[in-house]
Amino acid sequence: MKAVARFFVNVKKEMKKVRWPKKKEMIKFSIATIAIVCFFMAFFSLSDGIISGIVKVFS
């Protein structure tokens, strides 16, 4: 039981060392993430459409 308590004490100490992002950084990171997801969504949709078209032509 002491090991569990020591674990949570150490977790609390480590969490105090974490540098959390500021609001402005978080907005910037969120926008970048959404942009990357949209780019890959468009890329894979386009790739899927092209490959589907090729398969329809040859089948």
PDB file of N, CA and C in Angstrom:
ATOM      1  N   MET A   1       0.833  -1.200   0.000  1.00  0.00           N
ATOM      2  CA  MET A   1       0.000   0.000   0.000  1.00  0.00           C
ATOM      3  C   MET A   1       0.871   1.256   0.000  1.00  0.00           C
ATOM      4  N   LYS A   2       2.030   1.164   0.677  1.00  0.00           N
ATOM      5  CA  LYS A   2       2.934   2.324   0.700  1.00  0.00           C
ATOM      6  C   LYS A   2       3.465   2.631  -0.694  1.00  0.00           C
ATOM      7  N   ALA A   3       3.652   1.587  -1.497  1.00  0.00           N
ATOM      8  CA  ALA A   3       4.151   1.791  -2.860  1.00  0.00           C
ATOM      9  C   ALA A   3       3.145   2.581  -3.693  1.00  0.00           C
ATOM     10  N   VAL A   4       1.880   2.300  -3.516  1.00  0.00           N
ATOM     11  CA  VAL A   4       0.834   3.024  -4.254  1.00  0.00           C
ATOM     12  C   VAL A   4       0.811   4.483  -3.827  1.00  0.00           C
ATOM     13  N   ALA A   5       0.892   4.722  -2.535  1.00  0.00           N
ATOM     14  CA  ALA A   5       0.890   6.104  -2.023  1.00  0.00           C
ATOM     15  C   ALA A   5       2.123   6.856  -2.523  1.00  0.00           C
ATOM     16  N   ARG A   6       3.276   6.191  -2.519  1.00  0.00           N
ATOM     17  CA  ARG A   6       4.515   6.818  -2.999  1.00  0.00           C
ATOM     18  C   ARG A   6       4.408   7.135  -4.490  1.00  0.00           C
ATOM     19  N   PHE A   7       3.773   6.233  -5.225  1.00  0.00           N
ATOM     20  CA  PHE A   7       3.569   6.461  -6.654  1.00  0.00           C
ATOM     21  C   PHE A   7       2.795   7.749  -6.899  1.00  0.00           C
ATOM     22  N   PHE A   8       1.683   7.942  -6.170  1.00  0.00           N
ATOM     23  CA  PHE A   8       0.869   9.138  -6.379  1.00  0.00           C
ATOM     24  C   PHE A   8       1.570  10.400  -5.902  1.00  0.00           C
ATOM     25  N   VAL A   9       2.399  10.293  -4.876  1.00  0.00           N
ATOM     26  CA  VAL A   9       3.197  11.447  -4.432  1.00  0.00           C
ATOM     27  C   VAL A   9       4.181  11.827  -5.534  1.00  0.00           C
ATOM     28  N   ASN A  10       4.810  10.834  -6.142  1.00  0.00           N
ATOM     29  CA  ASN A  10       5.750  11.107  -7.231  1.00  0.00           C
ATOM     30  C   ASN A  10       5.043  11.657  -8.466  1.00  0.00           C
ATOM     31  N   VAL A  11       3.853  11.168  -8.739  1.00  0.00           N
ATOM     32  CA  VAL A  11       3.079  11.703  -9.867  1.00  0.00           C
ATOM     33  C   VAL A  11       2.784  13.179  -9.643  1.00  0.00           C
ATOM     34  N   LYS A  12       2.399  13.527  -8.431  1.00  0.00           N
ATOM     35  CA  LYS A  12       2.098  14.929  -8.108  1.00  0.00           C
ATOM     36  C   LYS A  12       3.332  15.807  -8.292  1.00  0.00           C
ATOM     37  N   LYS A  13       4.502  15.324  -7.863  1.00  0.00           N
ATOM     38  CA  LYS A  13       5.750  16.078  -8.027  1.00  0.00           C
ATOM     39  C   LYS A  13       6.076  16.281  -9.502  1.00  0.00           C
ATOM     40  N   GLU A  14       5.927  15.217 -10.292  1.00  0.00           N
ATOM     41  CA  GLU A  14       6.243  15.317 -11.711  1.00  0.00           C
ATOM     42  C   GLU A  14       5.270  16.239 -12.447  1.00  0.00           C
ATOM     43  N   MET A  15       4.008  16.210 -12.070  1.00  0.00           N
ATOM     44  CA  MET A  15       3.025  17.075 -12.729  1.00  0.00           C
ATOM     45  C   MET A  15       3.307  18.550 -12.465  1.00  0.00           C
ATOM     46  N   LYS A  16       3.942  18.862 -11.354  1.00  0.00           N
ATOM     47  CA  LYS A  16       4.310  20.252 -11.084  1.00  0.00           C
ATOM     48  C   LYS A  16       5.443  20.715 -11.997  1.00  0.00           C
ATOM     49  N   LYS A  17       6.209  19.779 -12.537  1.00  0.00           N
ATOM     50  CA  LYS A  17       7.314  20.121 -13.429  1.00  0.00           C
ATOM     51  C   LYS A  17       6.863  20.334 -14.876  1.00  0.00           C
ATOM     52  N   VAL A  18       5.652  19.906 -15.186  1.00  0.00           N
ATOM     53  CA  VAL A  18       5.152  19.997 -16.562  1.00  0.00           C
ATOM     54  C   VAL A  18       4.931  21.449 -16.944  1.00  0.00           C
ATOM     55  N   ARG A  19       5.387  21.817 -18.157  1.00  0.00           N
ATOM     56  CA  ARG A  19       5.143  23.158 -18.675  1.00  0.00           C
ATOM     57  C   ARG A  19       3.939  23.064 -19.600  1.00  0.00           C
ATOM     58  N   TRP A  20       2.821  23.565 -19.142  1.00  0.00           N
ATOM     59  CA  TRP A  20       1.589  23.503 -19.906  1.00  0.00           C
ATOM     60  C   TRP A  20       1.567  24.634 -20.920  1.00  0.00           C
ATOM     61  N   PRO A  21       1.021  24.414 -22.129  1.00  0.00           N
ATOM     62  CA  PRO A  21       0.987  25.476 -23.145  1.00  0.00           C
ATOM     63  C   PRO A  21       0.033  26.608 -22.744  1.00  0.00           C
ATOM     64  N   LYS A  22       0.411  27.798 -23.171  1.00  0.00           N
ATOM     65  CA  LYS A  22      -0.431  28.966 -22.948  1.00  0.00           C
ATOM     66  C   LYS A  22      -1.589  28.943 -23.944  1.00  0.00           C
ATOM     67  N   LYS A  23      -2.577  29.807 -23.721  1.00  0.00           N
ATOM     68  CA  LYS A  23      -3.775  29.828 -24.568  1.00  0.00           C
ATOM     69  C   LYS A  23      -3.403  30.102 -26.030  1.00  0.00           C
ATOM     70  N   LYS A  24      -2.508  31.058 -26.255  1.00  0.00           N
ATOM     71  CA  LYS A  24      -2.119  31.419 -27.618  1.00  0.00           C
ATOM     72  C   LYS A  24      -1.425  30.241 -28.315  1.00  0.00           C
ATOM     73  N   GLU A  25      -0.555  29.537 -27.597  1.00  0.00           N
ATOM     74  CA  GLU A  25       0.107  28.371 -28.163  1.00  0.00           C
ATOM     75  C   GLU A  25      -0.896  27.264 -28.470  1.00  0.00           C
ATOM     76  N   MET A  26      -1.838  27.079 -27.570  1.00  0.00           N
ATOM     77  CA  MET A  26      -2.832  26.022 -27.749  1.00  0.00           C
ATOM     78  C   MET A  26      -3.687  26.277 -28.980  1.00  0.00           C
ATOM     79  N   ILE A  27      -4.051  27.536 -29.204  1.00  0.00           N
ATOM     80  CA  ILE A  27      -4.830  27.889 -30.394  1.00  0.00           C
ATOM     81  C   ILE A  27      -4.014  27.604 -31.650  1.00  0.00           C
ATOM     82  N   LYS A  28      -2.725  27.987 -31.629  1.00  0.00           N
ATOM     83  CA  LYS A  28      -1.856  27.763 -32.779  1.00  0.00           C
ATOM     84  C   LYS A  28      -1.703  26.267 -33.064  1.00  0.00           C
ATOM     85  N   PHE A  29      -1.480  25.465 -32.030  1.00  0.00           N
ATOM     86  CA  PHE A  29      -1.340  24.023 -32.201  1.00  0.00           C
ATOM     87  C   PHE A  29      -2.643  23.402 -32.705  1.00  0.00           C
ATOM     88  N   SER A  30      -3.772  23.883 -32.206  1.00  0.00           N
ATOM     89  CA  SER A  30      -5.065  23.339 -32.629  1.00  0.00           C
ATOM     90  C   SER A  30      -5.332  23.642 -34.101  1.00  0.00           C
ATOM     91  N   ILE A  31      -5.035  24.853 -34.516  1.00  0.00           N
ATOM     92  CA  ILE A  31      -5.228  25.231 -35.922  1.00  0.00           C
ATOM     93  C   ILE A  31      -4.322  24.405 -36.818  1.00  0.00           C
ATOM     94  N   ALA A  32      -3.072  24.207 -36.411  1.00  0.00           N
ATOM     95  CA  ALA A  32      -2.140  23.396 -37.200  1.00  0.00           C
ATOM     96  C   ALA A  32      -2.644  21.965 -37.308  1.00  0.00           C
ATOM     97  N   THR A  33      -3.139  21.411 -36.221  1.00  0.00           N
ATOM     98  CA  THR A  33      -3.653  20.038 -36.229  1.00  0.00           C
ATOM     99  C   THR A  33      -4.855  19.910 -37.149  1.00  0.00           C
ATOM    100  N   ILE A  34      -5.780  20.847 -37.067  1.00  0.00           N
ATOM    101  CA  ILE A  34      -6.969  20.811 -37.927  1.00  0.00           C
ATOM    102  C   ILE A  34      -6.577  20.950 -39.392  1.00  0.00           C
ATOM    103  N   ALA A  35      -5.604  21.811 -39.682  1.00  0.00           N
ATOM    104  CA  ALA A  35      -5.151  21.994 -41.062  1.00  0.00           C
ATOM    105  C   ALA A  35      -4.517  20.717 -41.602  1.00  0.00           C
ATOM    106  N   ILE A  36      -3.705  20.066 -40.796  1.00  0.00           N
ATOM    107  CA  ILE A  36      -3.054  18.829 -41.234  1.00  0.00           C
ATOM    108  C   ILE A  36      -4.096  17.733 -41.463  1.00  0.00           C
ATOM    109  N   VAL A  37      -5.052  17.624 -40.566  1.00  0.00           N
ATOM    110  CA  VAL A  37      -6.109  16.613 -40.719  1.00  0.00           C
ATOM    111  C   VAL A  37      -6.907  16.884 -42.001  1.00  0.00           C
ATOM    112  N   CYS A  38      -7.236  18.135 -42.269  1.00  0.00           N
ATOM    113  CA  CYS A  38      -7.991  18.477 -43.490  1.00  0.00           C
ATOM    114  C   CYS A  38      -7.175  18.170 -44.743  1.00  0.00           C
ATOM    115  N   PHE A  39      -5.871  18.453 -44.706  1.00  0.00           N
ATOM    116  CA  PHE A  39      -5.006  18.162 -45.844  1.00  0.00           C
ATOM    117  C   PHE A  39      -5.009  16.667 -46.143  1.00  0.00           C
ATOM    118  N   PHE A  40      -4.790  15.849 -45.103  1.00  0.00           N
ATOM    119  CA  PHE A  40      -4.747  14.404 -45.316  1.00  0.00           C
ATOM    120  C   PHE A  40      -6.114  13.852 -45.698  1.00  0.00           C
ATOM    121  N   MET A  41      -7.190  14.441 -45.190  1.00  0.00           N
ATOM    122  CA  MET A  41      -8.527  14.017 -45.574  1.00  0.00           C
ATOM    123  C   MET A  41      -8.724  14.245 -47.077  1.00  0.00           C
ATOM    124  N   ALA A  42      -8.344  15.410 -47.556  1.00  0.00           N
ATOM    125  CA  ALA A  42      -8.474  15.714 -48.979  1.00  0.00           C
ATOM    126  C   ALA A  42      -7.562  14.812 -49.812  1.00  0.00           C
ATOM    127  N   PHE A  43      -6.334  14.616 -49.345  1.00  0.00           N
ATOM    128  CA  PHE A  43      -5.377  13.772 -50.070  1.00  0.00           C
ATOM    129  C   PHE A  43      -5.890  12.345 -50.226  1.00  0.00           C
ATOM    130  N   PHE A  44      -6.357  11.751 -49.125  1.00  0.00           N
ATOM    131  CA  PHE A  44      -6.823  10.369 -49.192  1.00  0.00           C
ATOM    132  C   PHE A  44      -8.151  10.249 -49.944  1.00  0.00           C
ATOM    133  N   SER A  45      -9.001  11.255 -49.847  1.00  0.00           N
ATOM    134  CA  SER A  45     -10.250  11.230 -50.620  1.00  0.00           C
ATOM    135  C   SER A  45      -9.949  11.286 -52.112  1.00  0.00           C
ATOM    136  N   LEU A  46      -9.043  12.155 -52.489  1.00  0.00           N
ATOM    137  CA  LEU A  46      -8.647  12.274 -53.892  1.00  0.00           C
ATOM    138  C   LEU A  46      -7.985  10.981 -54.373  1.00  0.00           C
ATOM    139  N   SER A  47      -7.089  10.442 -53.567  1.00  0.00           N
ATOM    140  CA  SER A  47      -6.421   9.185 -53.925  1.00  0.00           C
ATOM    141  C   SER A  47      -7.437   8.062 -54.080  1.00  0.00           C
ATOM    142  N   ASP A  48      -8.378   7.984 -53.168  1.00  0.00           N
ATOM    143  CA  ASP A  48      -9.413   6.950 -53.236  1.00  0.00           C
ATOM    144  C   ASP A  48     -10.242   7.100 -54.501  1.00  0.00           C
ATOM    145  N   GLY A  49     -10.608   8.329 -54.828  1.00  0.00           N
ATOM    146  CA  GLY A  49     -11.388   8.566 -56.042  1.00  0.00           C
ATOM    147  C   GLY A  49     -10.633   8.174 -57.289  1.00  0.00           C
ATOM    148  N   ILE A  50      -9.368   8.502 -57.350  1.00  0.00           N
ATOM    149  CA  ILE A  50      -8.556   8.159 -58.521  1.00  0.00           C
ATOM    150  C   ILE A  50      -8.403   6.645 -58.648  1.00  0.00           C
ATOM    151  N   ILE A  51      -8.070   5.997 -57.536  1.00  0.00           N
ATOM    152  CA  ILE A  51      -7.890   4.541 -57.568  1.00  0.00           C
ATOM    153  C   ILE A  51      -9.213   3.840 -57.903  1.00  0.00           C
ATOM    154  N   SER A  52     -10.337   4.330 -57.353  1.00  0.00           N
ATOM    155  CA  SER A  52     -11.639   3.743 -57.684  1.00  0.00           C
ATOM    156  C   SER A  52     -11.942   3.895 -59.166  1.00  0.00           C
ATOM    157  N   GLY A  53     -11.622   5.040 -59.722  1.00  0.00           N
ATOM    158  CA  GLY A  53     -11.840   5.262 -61.157  1.00  0.00           C
ATOM    159  C   GLY A  53     -11.004   4.329 -62.002  1.00  0.00           C
ATOM    160  N   ILE A  54      -9.765   4.122 -61.618  1.00  0.00           N
ATOM    161  CA  ILE A  54      -8.893   3.200 -62.365  1.00  0.00           C
ATOM    162  C   ILE A  54      -9.414   1.779 -62.282  1.00  0.00           C
ATOM    163  N   VAL A  55      -9.860   1.369 -61.105  1.00  0.00           N
ATOM    164  CA  VAL A  55     -10.384   0.013 -60.939  1.00  0.00           C
ATOM    165  C   VAL A  55     -11.652  -0.173 -61.772  1.00  0.00           C
ATOM    166  N   LYS A  56     -12.523   0.833 -61.823  1.00  0.00           N
ATOM    167  CA  LYS A  56     -13.749   0.726 -62.640  1.00  0.00           C
ATOM    168  C   LYS A  56     -13.438   0.597 -64.117  1.00  0.00           C
ATOM    169  N   VAL A  57     -12.387   1.295 -64.578  1.00  0.00           N
ATOM    170  CA  VAL A  57     -12.029   1.249 -65.993  1.00  0.00           C
ATOM    171  C   VAL A  57     -11.541  -0.151 -66.360  1.00  0.00           C
ATOM    172  N   PHE A  58     -10.759  -0.769 -65.507  1.00  0.00           N
ATOM    173  CA  PHE A  58     -10.170  -2.072 -65.805  1.00  0.00           C
ATOM    174  C   PHE A  58     -11.000  -3.265 -65.364  1.00  0.00           C
ATOM    175  N   SER A  59     -12.176  -3.037 -64.794  1.00  0.00           N
ATOM    176  CA  SER A  59     -12.977  -4.192 -64.380  1.00  0.00           C
ATOM    177  C   SER A  59     -14.297  -4.259 -65.113  1.00  0.00           C
TER     178      SER A  59
END
